Amino acid sequence: MTRATRVAAAGLAVALAGCTVGPDYQRPEVETPAAWVVEAPFRASTPGDAIEKGPWWERFGDPTLAALETQAIAASPTLAAASARLAQAQAQVAAAESGLLPSVGFAGRMARLKISRDRPLTNYQSPNFSTVQSDFVTQLTVSYEVDLAGRVRRTIEGARASAAQSAADLQNTRLLLTAELATDYYTLRELDIELDVLSRSIELQRRSLDLATARHDLGATSGLDVAGQQALLDSTLTQVDVLHRQRSQFEHAIATLTGTPAPVFAIAPNVRELVPPDVPIGVPSDVLERRPDVASAERAMAAANAQIGVATAAFYPSIILGPAYGVESASMASLFNASSLLWSLGVSIAQPLIDSGRIRANVDLARGGYDVAVANYRRLVLTAMQEAEDGITGLAALERASAQASAAIASAQRVLDLANARYEGGVATYLDVITAQQSLLNSERLAAQLRGQRMLTAVFLVKALGGDWPGASSLAAASAGSGPPAPSSGGAAPSSVR
């Protein structure tokens, strides 16, 4: 082969390697509303998309929750499995990228062999002889696939998209883990408040039972008053056992989420006021960039699109360059002599001619996989919009309901005071007192449940928005004043919902 021929062949290979078949990936457009439907005093602003999502649970101001979240992130087996899958995907990227470079190998052989005299003749004029000899071979081999149709490049493109998808899945697993932990934690705290309500109600009902018993012993009332109060007390005590069982279940769930055996895990009761924090909401289009499950679905589309190119490349020839260089000799002493040198230059070309539609079917399969990924992406975008709007409107409704529940408690307390006074004055039956006690208990438990629901809805909204904007804690003060919120140094400040 002359020098000109070699240069021309190399130029042809480079030109052919520049082709890449299959469609280039473009993220499909999805319709998003310009703003959320919010109620006063909420308002929309533009958040900084580049601001990193941080430990959103710190916004709730609960040291116990913060400690549990830190422990869960460090010890959760679910999060560890997601991290391992990301490492696998990154290794697949490295393996795919190796296809762009030649692979070099070393081969060696040392053998003592006998050649059969009865083997088939290669020439009728030259008879065969049986010989015994040694064979020593060492050589370097090179294999390089000319990426004629871009199969290797599309494979790398798909592997990188899959690795990015695994990274988004890891973030989504982390978000789901922390949100589930916060949900279980605030459900447990809501049960603590309900148990405290029942404890105070039991104390009140015991005093009322003592009063009814004393009046019965004096002959002022019938035994019906005592029996009715005892029945109310027994019913309340039963509810205590039911709530203790529910609390234990959530405590055990938190233990599992933090990677701790349930029998050795405990959270002390703590009755405290539950107030949801301000949650920055931004604008709907930001959800597409912030929610890790949406990002994962978008990366899945890119990976599926790359598979179309890989499948399409099978229509084109496969070209593999395979030069080799080494030495071979019957004697170790002469193995590295110039006369023992061997080499080869070769290229192998394979072109499918008749495959009965197999390649076309594989391309259609890849296109179908891409269509599935697109549909899944659009579904997740719609779900993200729905969940965020549910969280925003839910917080507003629960805040109003909580305020009304506080007013109902005050009214129920006044009714109980009046019922006690009328009973002691002899102008009302004890049934009025029992009814008033039950009404007060129901109102206090409803108020506790609404406070818990407000916390759960705040956690749900954070999850629906894909996390938090660190540095937005000053937003509440800004939104309370007049005028629009001022942008922060990291970007424009997001709006908040409370």
Protein backbone atom coordinates (compact mmCIF):
# COMPACT_ATOMS: atom_id res chain seq x y z
CA MET A 1 0.00 0.00 0.00
CA THR A 2 1.47 3.32 -1.03
CA ARG A 3 1.64 6.39 1.18
CA ALA A 4 -1.01 8.16 -0.90
CA THR A 5 -3.34 5.19 -0.60
CA ARG A 6 -2.91 5.07 3.17
CA VAL A 7 -3.62 8.80 3.49
CA ALA A 8 -6.72 8.48 1.33
CA ALA A 9 -8.00 5.52 3.36
CA ALA A 10 -7.46 7.38 6.62
CA GLY A 11 -9.26 10.45 5.28
CA LEU A 12 -12.18 8.31 4.15
CA ALA A 13 -12.43 6.68 7.56
CA VAL A 14 -12.46 10.07 9.30
CA ALA A 15 -15.14 11.36 6.94
CA LEU A 16 -17.31 8.31 7.43
CA ALA A 17 -16.88 8.49 11.19
CA GLY A 18 -18.38 11.98 11.15
CA CYS A 19 -21.84 10.65 10.24
CA THR A 20 -24.39 10.11 13.00
CA VAL A 21 -27.76 8.57 12.16
CA GLY A 22 -30.92 8.85 14.20
CA PRO A 23 -32.77 11.98 15.40
CA ASP A 24 -31.02 14.56 17.54
CA TYR A 25 -32.73 14.93 20.90
CA GLN A 26 -34.98 17.91 21.56
CA ARG A 27 -37.07 18.17 24.71
CA PRO A 28 -40.77 18.30 23.78
CA GLU A 29 -42.73 21.40 24.65
CA VAL A 30 -45.34 21.10 27.40
CA GLU A 31 -48.05 23.61 28.19
CA THR A 32 -47.66 25.24 31.60
CA PRO A 33 -49.81 27.98 33.13
CA ALA A 34 -48.26 31.39 33.66
CA ALA A 35 -49.07 31.43 37.39
CA TRP A 36 -50.66 29.43 40.20
CA VAL A 37 -54.20 30.07 41.36
CA VAL A 38 -53.53 31.56 44.79
CA GLU A 39 -55.52 33.42 47.40
CA ALA A 40 -54.53 36.57 49.26
CA PRO A 41 -52.07 37.33 50.72
CA PHE A 42 -50.05 35.04 48.43
CA ARG A 43 -48.40 36.49 45.33
CA ALA A 44 -46.11 35.20 42.61
CA SER A 45 -42.58 36.25 41.78
CA THR A 46 -39.69 34.78 39.82
CA PRO A 47 -37.35 32.42 41.72
CA GLY A 48 -33.72 31.90 40.84
CA ASP A 49 -33.56 28.59 39.01
CA ALA A 50 -29.82 28.25 39.58
CA ILE A 51 -30.14 28.34 43.37
CA GLU A 52 -29.39 24.92 44.78
CA LYS A 53 -32.10 23.08 46.70
CA GLY A 54 -31.11 22.72 50.34
CA PRO A 55 -32.29 21.07 53.57
CA TRP A 56 -35.89 22.21 53.36
CA TRP A 57 -36.82 20.63 56.69
CA GLU A 58 -34.80 23.29 58.53
CA ARG A 59 -37.49 25.76 57.49
CA PHE A 60 -39.82 24.02 59.97
CA GLY A 61 -37.58 25.00 62.89
CA ASP A 62 -37.75 21.63 64.67
CA PRO A 63 -34.37 20.34 65.95
CA THR A 64 -35.72 16.80 66.45
CA LEU A 65 -36.92 16.62 62.84
CA ALA A 66 -33.61 18.03 61.59
CA ALA A 67 -31.65 15.39 63.51
CA LEU A 68 -33.87 12.59 62.18
CA GLU A 69 -33.52 13.84 58.59
CA THR A 70 -29.75 13.95 58.91
CA GLN A 71 -29.72 10.41 60.28
CA ALA A 72 -32.01 9.15 57.52
CA ILE A 73 -29.82 10.61 54.78
CA ALA A 74 -26.74 9.00 56.33
CA ALA A 75 -28.17 5.57 57.16
CA SER A 76 -31.14 4.89 54.87
CA PRO A 77 -30.71 1.64 52.87
CA THR A 78 -33.06 3.00 50.21
CA LEU A 79 -30.84 6.02 49.64
CA ALA A 80 -27.74 3.81 49.63
CA ALA A 81 -29.27 1.64 46.90
CA ALA A 82 -30.05 4.72 44.79
CA SER A 83 -26.43 5.89 45.22
CA ALA A 84 -25.18 2.49 44.08
CA ARG A 85 -27.38 2.64 40.98
CA LEU A 86 -25.89 6.04 40.15
CA ALA A 87 -22.39 4.59 40.47
CA GLN A 88 -23.39 1.79 38.09
CA ALA A 89 -24.72 4.30 35.54
CA GLN A 90 -21.52 6.34 35.72
CA ALA A 91 -19.49 3.18 35.15
CA GLN A 92 -21.61 2.43 32.08
CA VAL A 93 -20.75 5.87 30.72
CA ALA A 94 -17.04 5.14 31.11
CA ALA A 95 -17.49 1.78 29.39
CA ALA A 96 -19.37 3.37 26.49
CA GLU A 97 -16.81 6.16 26.05
CA SER A 98 -14.04 3.59 25.73
CA GLY A 99 -15.52 2.68 22.34
CA LEU A 100 -14.14 5.91 20.89
CA LEU A 101 -10.55 4.72 21.36
CA PRO A 102 -8.75 1.64 20.05
CA SER A 103 -8.40 -1.36 22.32
CA VAL A 104 -4.86 -2.78 22.57
CA GLY A 105 -4.14 -6.32 23.72
CA PHE A 106 -1.20 -8.60 24.25
CA ALA A 107 -1.21 -12.24 23.21
CA GLY A 108 1.43 -14.85 23.92
CA ARG A 109 1.69 -18.55 23.18
CA MET A 110 4.31 -21.16 24.06
CA ALA A 111 3.71 -24.70 22.88
CA ARG A 112 5.48 -28.00 22.02
CA LEU A 113 3.54 -29.79 19.29
CA LYS A 114 3.68 -32.71 16.89
CA ILE A 115 2.32 -32.41 13.36
CA SER A 116 0.55 -35.51 11.96
CA ARG A 117 2.08 -37.23 8.93
CA ASP A 118 -1.40 -38.44 7.88
CA ARG A 119 -2.86 -34.97 7.56
CA PRO A 120 -4.36 -34.01 4.17
CA LEU A 121 -1.80 -33.18 1.48
CA THR A 122 -1.44 -29.63 0.28
CA ASN A 123 0.48 -30.75 -2.81
CA TYR A 124 0.48 -34.24 -4.39
CA GLN A 125 4.11 -33.80 -5.32
CA SER A 126 5.18 -33.06 -1.72
CA PRO A 127 4.45 -35.83 0.79
CA ASN A 128 3.77 -35.00 4.44
CA PHE A 129 6.14 -35.81 7.28
CA SER A 130 5.53 -35.99 10.98
CA THR A 131 7.49 -33.33 12.86
CA VAL A 132 7.90 -32.34 16.48
CA GLN A 133 8.71 -28.69 17.14
CA SER A 134 8.25 -25.76 19.50
CA ASP A 135 6.23 -22.60 18.81
CA PHE A 136 6.81 -19.30 20.66
CA VAL A 137 4.59 -16.32 19.78
CA THR A 138 4.17 -12.87 21.30
CA GLN A 139 2.21 -10.08 19.62
CA LEU A 140 0.32 -6.87 20.20
CA THR A 141 -3.18 -6.66 18.75
CA VAL A 142 -5.22 -3.54 18.10
CA SER A 143 -8.95 -3.39 17.45
CA TYR A 144 -10.78 -0.22 16.50
CA GLU A 145 -14.35 0.16 15.27
CA VAL A 146 -14.83 2.94 12.76
CA ASP A 147 -17.95 4.74 14.01
CA LEU A 148 -19.40 4.93 10.50
CA ALA A 149 -23.03 5.70 11.41
CA GLY A 150 -22.48 7.08 14.90
CA ARG A 151 -23.48 3.92 16.76
CA VAL A 152 -20.77 4.44 19.38
CA ARG A 153 -21.57 8.13 19.76
CA ARG A 154 -25.28 7.42 20.19
CA THR A 155 -24.45 4.73 22.73
CA ILE A 156 -22.39 7.25 24.70
CA GLU A 157 -25.19 9.80 24.40
CA GLY A 158 -27.68 7.30 25.79
CA ALA A 159 -25.35 6.24 28.60
CA ARG A 160 -24.81 9.85 29.67
CA ALA A 161 -28.56 10.49 29.64
CA SER A 162 -29.11 7.35 31.72
CA ALA A 163 -26.47 8.49 34.20
CA ALA A 164 -28.18 11.88 34.47
CA GLN A 165 -31.47 10.05 34.98
CA SER A 166 -29.92 8.00 37.80
CA ALA A 167 -28.64 11.22 39.39
CA ALA A 168 -32.16 12.69 39.22
CA ASP A 169 -33.56 9.43 40.64
CA LEU A 170 -31.14 9.74 43.55
CA GLN A 171 -32.35 13.27 44.24
CA ASN A 172 -35.95 12.13 43.94
CA THR A 173 -35.33 9.25 46.35
CA ARG A 174 -33.78 11.71 48.79
CA LEU A 175 -36.75 14.08 48.45
CA LEU A 176 -39.29 11.28 48.90
CA LEU A 177 -37.38 9.87 51.87
CA THR A 178 -37.14 13.19 53.68
CA ALA A 179 -40.76 14.08 52.88
CA GLU A 180 -42.04 10.72 54.09
CA LEU A 181 -40.02 11.08 57.28
CA ALA A 182 -41.41 14.58 57.91
CA THR A 183 -44.95 13.34 57.20
CA ASP A 184 -44.62 10.50 59.71
CA TYR A 185 -42.99 12.82 62.24
CA TYR A 186 -45.71 15.46 62.14
CA THR A 187 -48.43 12.83 62.19
CA LEU A 188 -46.79 11.53 65.37
CA ARG A 189 -46.67 15.05 66.82
CA GLU A 190 -50.34 15.57 65.95
CA LEU A 191 -51.13 12.36 67.84
CA ASP A 192 -49.16 13.75 70.81
CA ILE A 193 -51.48 16.78 70.80
CA GLU A 194 -54.55 14.58 70.58
CA LEU A 195 -53.31 12.42 73.46
CA ASP A 196 -52.77 15.58 75.50
CA VAL A 197 -56.33 16.67 74.69
CA LEU A 198 -57.63 13.27 75.80
CA SER A 199 -55.53 13.43 78.97
CA ARG A 200 -57.02 16.78 79.94
CA SER A 201 -60.49 15.58 79.00
CA ILE A 202 -60.08 12.46 81.13
CA GLU A 203 -59.04 14.61 84.09
CA LEU A 204 -62.13 16.78 83.59
CA GLN A 205 -64.39 13.76 83.18
CA ARG A 206 -63.02 12.12 86.34
CA ARG A 207 -63.80 15.28 88.33
CA SER A 208 -67.27 15.34 86.83
CA LEU A 209 -67.72 11.68 87.71
CA ASP A 210 -66.72 12.39 91.31
CA LEU A 211 -69.22 15.25 91.42
CA ALA A 212 -72.02 13.12 89.97
CA THR A 213 -71.22 10.30 92.38
CA ALA A 214 -71.25 12.66 95.38
CA ARG A 215 -74.61 14.14 94.36
CA HIS A 216 -75.97 10.65 93.85
CA ASP A 217 -74.79 9.56 97.29
CA LEU A 218 -76.57 12.58 98.76
CA GLY A 219 -79.74 11.60 96.91
CA ALA A 220 -79.77 14.72 94.78
CA THR A 221 -79.55 12.83 91.47
CA SER A 222 -80.32 9.45 90.06
CA GLY A 223 -77.83 6.75 89.12
CA LEU A 224 -78.36 7.63 85.46
CA ASP A 225 -76.07 10.66 85.81
CA VAL A 226 -73.29 8.53 87.24
CA ALA A 227 -73.71 5.81 84.61
CA GLY A 228 -73.68 8.36 81.77
CA GLN A 229 -70.51 10.05 83.01
CA GLN A 230 -68.83 6.68 83.53
CA ALA A 231 -69.70 5.64 79.97
CA LEU A 232 -68.19 8.86 78.60
CA LEU A 233 -65.01 8.31 80.63
CA ASP A 234 -64.69 4.69 79.46
CA SER A 235 -65.13 5.78 75.82
CA THR A 236 -62.41 8.41 76.18
CA LEU A 237 -60.02 5.90 77.79
CA THR A 238 -60.58 3.56 74.86
CA GLN A 239 -59.60 6.30 72.42
CA VAL A 240 -56.32 6.74 74.32
CA ASP A 241 -55.33 3.14 73.65
CA VAL A 242 -56.22 3.48 69.97
CA LEU A 243 -54.10 6.63 69.60
CA HIS A 244 -51.17 5.03 71.44
CA ARG A 245 -51.25 2.17 68.92
CA GLN A 246 -51.27 4.60 65.99
CA ARG A 247 -48.39 6.56 67.50
CA SER A 248 -46.32 3.40 67.87
CA GLN A 249 -46.83 2.55 64.20
CA PHE A 250 -45.56 5.95 63.06
CA GLU A 251 -42.66 5.73 65.52
CA HIS A 252 -41.66 2.37 64.03
CA ALA A 253 -41.96 3.78 60.50
CA ILE A 254 -39.59 6.62 61.43
CA ALA A 255 -37.15 4.08 62.86
CA THR A 256 -37.08 2.19 59.56
CA LEU A 257 -36.61 5.38 57.54
CA THR A 258 -33.62 6.36 59.68
CA GLY A 259 -32.02 2.91 59.39
CA THR A 260 -32.66 2.03 63.06
CA PRO A 261 -34.22 -1.21 64.38
CA ALA A 262 -37.72 -0.41 65.62
CA PRO A 263 -37.34 -2.16 69.04
CA VAL A 264 -34.49 0.18 70.08
CA PHE A 265 -35.99 3.41 68.74
CA ALA A 266 -38.20 5.86 70.62
CA ILE A 267 -39.29 9.48 70.31
CA ALA A 268 -40.40 11.21 73.49
CA PRO A 269 -43.83 12.89 73.40
CA ASN A 270 -43.68 16.62 72.85
CA VAL A 271 -46.77 18.81 72.83
CA ARG A 272 -46.02 22.01 70.95
CA GLU A 273 -47.77 24.47 68.70
CA LEU A 274 -47.56 23.32 65.07
CA VAL A 275 -47.27 26.23 62.66
CA PRO A 276 -46.35 25.58 59.00
CA PRO A 277 -43.48 27.64 57.61
CA ASP A 278 -43.48 29.92 54.60
CA VAL A 279 -42.97 27.87 51.44
CA PRO A 280 -41.59 29.64 48.31
CA ILE A 281 -43.74 28.68 45.33
CA GLY A 282 -42.22 30.51 42.33
CA VAL A 283 -44.03 30.05 39.01
CA PRO A 284 -45.34 26.79 37.44
CA SER A 285 -42.64 26.48 34.78
CA ASP A 286 -39.99 26.22 37.50
CA VAL A 287 -41.45 22.91 38.63
CA LEU A 288 -40.17 21.38 35.39
CA GLU A 289 -36.61 22.32 36.36
CA ARG A 290 -36.82 21.67 40.10
CA ARG A 291 -38.73 18.40 40.49
CA PRO A 292 -36.28 15.50 40.26
CA ASP A 293 -38.92 13.04 39.05
CA VAL A 294 -39.70 15.33 36.11
CA ALA A 295 -35.98 15.72 35.41
CA SER A 296 -35.59 11.93 35.52
CA ALA A 297 -38.42 11.48 33.01
CA GLU A 298 -36.84 14.08 30.71
CA ARG A 299 -33.47 12.28 30.85
CA ALA A 300 -35.27 9.00 30.10
CA MET A 301 -36.56 10.60 26.89
CA ALA A 302 -33.02 11.56 25.89
CA ALA A 303 -31.78 8.02 26.55
CA ALA A 304 -34.66 6.53 24.54
CA ASN A 305 -33.98 8.95 21.68
CA ALA A 306 -30.34 7.84 21.58
CA GLN A 307 -31.46 4.21 21.28
CA ILE A 308 -33.18 5.10 18.01
CA GLY A 309 -29.79 6.11 16.61
CA VAL A 310 -28.14 2.93 17.89
CA ALA A 311 -30.83 0.80 16.24
CA THR A 312 -30.67 2.79 12.99
CA ALA A 313 -26.87 2.38 12.78
CA ALA A 314 -27.40 -1.36 12.21
CA PHE A 315 -28.46 -0.53 8.62
CA TYR A 316 -24.90 0.61 7.88
CA PRO A 317 -21.69 -1.42 7.52
CA SER A 318 -19.66 -2.35 10.56
CA ILE A 319 -15.98 -1.59 9.95
CA ILE A 320 -13.30 -2.84 12.35
CA LEU A 321 -9.58 -2.17 11.93
CA GLY A 322 -7.37 -4.93 13.38
CA PRO A 323 -3.59 -4.53 12.95
CA ALA A 324 -1.20 -6.86 14.80
CA TYR A 325 2.55 -6.85 15.41
CA GLY A 326 4.73 -9.49 17.05
CA VAL A 327 7.32 -12.23 16.78
CA GLU A 328 7.17 -15.99 16.29
CA SER A 329 9.93 -18.57 16.38
CA ALA A 330 10.51 -22.27 16.92
CA SER A 331 13.29 -21.43 19.39
CA MET A 332 13.29 -19.08 22.34
CA ALA A 333 16.82 -18.02 21.49
CA SER A 334 15.80 -16.65 18.09
CA LEU A 335 12.40 -15.28 19.16
CA PHE A 336 13.47 -11.64 18.99
CA ASN A 337 15.56 -11.86 15.84
CA ALA A 338 14.57 -9.72 12.91
CA SER A 339 13.69 -12.82 10.93
CA SER A 340 11.05 -13.76 13.57
CA LEU A 341 9.06 -10.58 13.03
CA LEU A 342 5.39 -10.92 12.03
CA TRP A 343 2.72 -8.29 11.40
CA SER A 344 -0.63 -7.86 9.78
CA LEU A 345 -2.82 -5.00 8.62
CA GLY A 346 -6.46 -5.75 8.01
CA VAL A 347 -9.97 -4.42 8.04
CA SER A 348 -13.18 -6.40 8.39
CA ILE A 349 -16.44 -5.12 6.95
CA ALA A 350 -19.86 -6.59 7.70
CA GLN A 351 -22.98 -5.33 5.92
CA PRO A 352 -26.41 -6.88 6.53
CA LEU A 353 -28.17 -7.68 3.24
CA ILE A 354 -31.26 -9.70 4.10
CA ASP A 355 -32.47 -9.76 7.70
CA SER A 356 -36.22 -10.30 7.15
CA GLY A 357 -37.07 -6.94 8.74
CA ARG A 358 -35.17 -7.49 12.00
CA ILE A 359 -33.31 -4.15 11.91
CA ARG A 360 -36.44 -2.20 10.94
CA ALA A 361 -38.34 -3.88 13.77
CA ASN A 362 -35.61 -2.87 16.24
CA VAL A 363 -35.83 0.74 15.04
CA ASP A 364 -39.61 0.68 15.46
CA LEU A 365 -39.12 -0.78 18.93
CA ALA A 366 -36.76 2.05 19.85
CA ARG A 367 -39.18 4.65 18.50
CA GLY A 368 -41.97 3.08 20.51
CA GLY A 369 -39.82 3.28 23.63
CA TYR A 370 -39.24 6.97 22.96
CA ASP A 371 -42.99 7.59 22.55
CA VAL A 372 -43.60 5.86 25.90
CA ALA A 373 -40.97 8.08 27.55
CA VAL A 374 -42.58 11.22 26.07
CA ALA A 375 -46.03 10.21 27.33
CA ASN A 376 -44.61 9.47 30.77
CA TYR A 377 -42.87 12.86 30.84
CA ARG A 378 -46.08 14.71 29.96
CA ARG A 379 -47.97 12.74 32.62
CA LEU A 380 -45.44 13.67 35.30
CA VAL A 381 -45.57 17.34 34.30
CA LEU A 382 -49.36 17.36 34.66
CA THR A 383 -49.10 15.55 37.99
CA ALA A 384 -46.55 18.09 39.20
CA MET A 385 -48.88 20.95 38.32
CA GLN A 386 -51.77 19.22 40.09
CA GLU A 387 -49.82 18.44 43.27
CA ALA A 388 -48.41 21.95 43.57
CA GLU A 389 -51.80 23.58 43.08
CA ASP A 390 -53.39 21.16 45.57
CA GLY A 391 -50.77 22.11 48.14
CA ILE A 392 -51.20 25.86 47.60
CA THR A 393 -55.00 25.85 47.83
CA GLY A 394 -54.95 23.25 50.60
CA LEU A 395 -52.83 25.42 52.89
CA ALA A 396 -55.19 28.37 52.46
CA ALA A 397 -58.29 26.28 53.19
CA LEU A 398 -56.73 24.60 56.21
CA GLU A 399 -55.62 27.92 57.67
CA ARG A 400 -59.20 29.18 57.57
CA ALA A 401 -60.51 25.92 58.99
CA SER A 402 -57.96 26.02 61.81
CA ALA A 403 -59.02 29.55 62.78
CA GLN A 404 -62.65 28.45 62.81
CA ALA A 405 -61.77 25.39 64.90
CA SER A 406 -60.20 27.65 67.55
CA ALA A 407 -63.42 29.66 67.67
CA ALA A 408 -65.39 26.42 68.00
CA ILE A 409 -63.28 25.40 71.01
CA ALA A 410 -64.02 28.69 72.74
CA SER A 411 -67.75 28.27 72.04
CA ALA A 412 -67.73 24.67 73.28
CA GLN A 413 -65.97 25.74 76.48
CA ARG A 414 -68.65 28.37 77.13
CA VAL A 415 -71.38 25.79 76.54
CA LEU A 416 -69.72 23.42 79.05
CA ASP A 417 -69.42 26.16 81.67
CA LEU A 418 -73.08 27.05 81.22
CA ALA A 419 -74.15 23.39 81.36
CA ASN A 420 -72.23 22.84 84.61
CA ALA A 421 -73.70 25.97 86.17
CA ARG A 422 -77.25 25.04 85.14
CA TYR A 423 -76.80 21.48 86.40
CA GLU A 424 -75.45 22.62 89.75
CA GLY A 425 -78.38 25.03 89.97
CA GLY A 426 -80.80 22.21 89.33
CA VAL A 427 -82.32 23.66 86.13
CA ALA A 428 -80.69 21.21 83.66
CA THR A 429 -80.10 17.48 83.40
CA TYR A 430 -76.67 15.90 83.53
CA LEU A 431 -77.12 14.84 79.91
CA ASP A 432 -76.46 18.49 78.95
CA VAL A 433 -73.13 18.36 80.79
CA ILE A 434 -72.12 15.09 79.13
CA THR A 435 -73.06 16.44 75.71
CA ALA A 436 -71.08 19.62 76.32
CA GLN A 437 -68.02 17.63 77.44
CA GLN A 438 -68.17 15.45 74.35
CA SER A 439 -68.57 18.49 72.12
CA LEU A 440 -65.54 20.19 73.69
CA LEU A 441 -63.47 17.03 73.29
CA ASN A 442 -64.46 16.70 69.63
CA SER A 443 -63.67 20.37 68.93
CA GLU A 444 -60.22 20.13 70.55
CA ARG A 445 -59.37 16.93 68.70
CA LEU A 446 -60.53 18.45 65.41
CA ALA A 447 -58.35 21.49 66.01
CA ALA A 448 -55.36 19.22 66.72
CA GLN A 449 -56.02 17.24 63.55
CA LEU A 450 -56.25 20.43 61.48
CA ARG A 451 -52.90 21.63 62.85
CA GLY A 452 -51.38 18.31 61.87
CA GLN A 453 -52.95 18.49 58.40
CA ARG A 454 -51.50 21.97 57.89
CA MET A 455 -48.01 20.62 58.62
CA LEU A 456 -48.52 17.62 56.34
CA THR A 457 -49.81 19.88 53.55
CA ALA A 458 -46.75 22.11 53.92
CA VAL A 459 -44.50 19.06 53.58
CA PHE A 460 -46.56 17.91 50.59
CA LEU A 461 -46.18 21.32 48.95
CA VAL A 462 -42.40 21.31 49.45
CA LYS A 463 -42.25 17.88 47.83
CA ALA A 464 -44.54 19.00 44.99
CA LEU A 465 -42.25 21.96 44.27
CA GLY A 466 -39.16 19.76 44.24
CA GLY A 467 -37.51 21.14 47.39
CA ASP A 468 -36.65 24.49 48.89
CA TRP A 469 -34.85 27.69 47.88
CA PRO A 470 -32.14 28.23 50.53
CA GLY A 471 -31.82 31.80 51.62
CA ALA A 472 -35.54 32.47 51.19
CA SER A 473 -36.22 32.53 54.94
CA SER A 474 -36.38 36.31 54.92
CA LEU A 475 -39.21 36.18 52.43
CA ALA A 476 -41.95 36.17 55.06
CA ALA A 477 -40.85 39.57 56.32
CA ALA A 478 -40.58 40.89 52.79
CA SER A 479 -44.03 39.63 51.78
CA ALA A 480 -45.60 41.08 54.94
CA GLY A 481 -44.60 44.63 53.93
CA SER A 482 -45.81 46.69 51.03
CA GLY A 483 -44.38 46.42 47.58
CA PRO A 484 -42.85 43.46 45.74
CA PRO A 485 -40.14 41.31 47.36
CA ALA A 486 -36.59 42.37 46.58
CA PRO A 487 -34.33 39.99 44.63
CA SER A 488 -31.56 38.24 46.54
CA SER A 489 -27.95 37.99 45.44
CA GLY A 490 -28.49 34.44 44.15
CA GLY A 491 -31.40 35.39 41.90
CA ALA A 492 -34.90 36.74 42.24
CA ALA A 493 -36.63 35.76 45.45
CA PRO A 494 -39.50 33.29 45.20
CA SER A 495 -42.94 33.97 46.57
CA SER A 496 -44.17 32.13 49.63
CA VAL A 497 -47.24 30.29 50.83
CA ARG A 498 -48.21 29.81 54.40
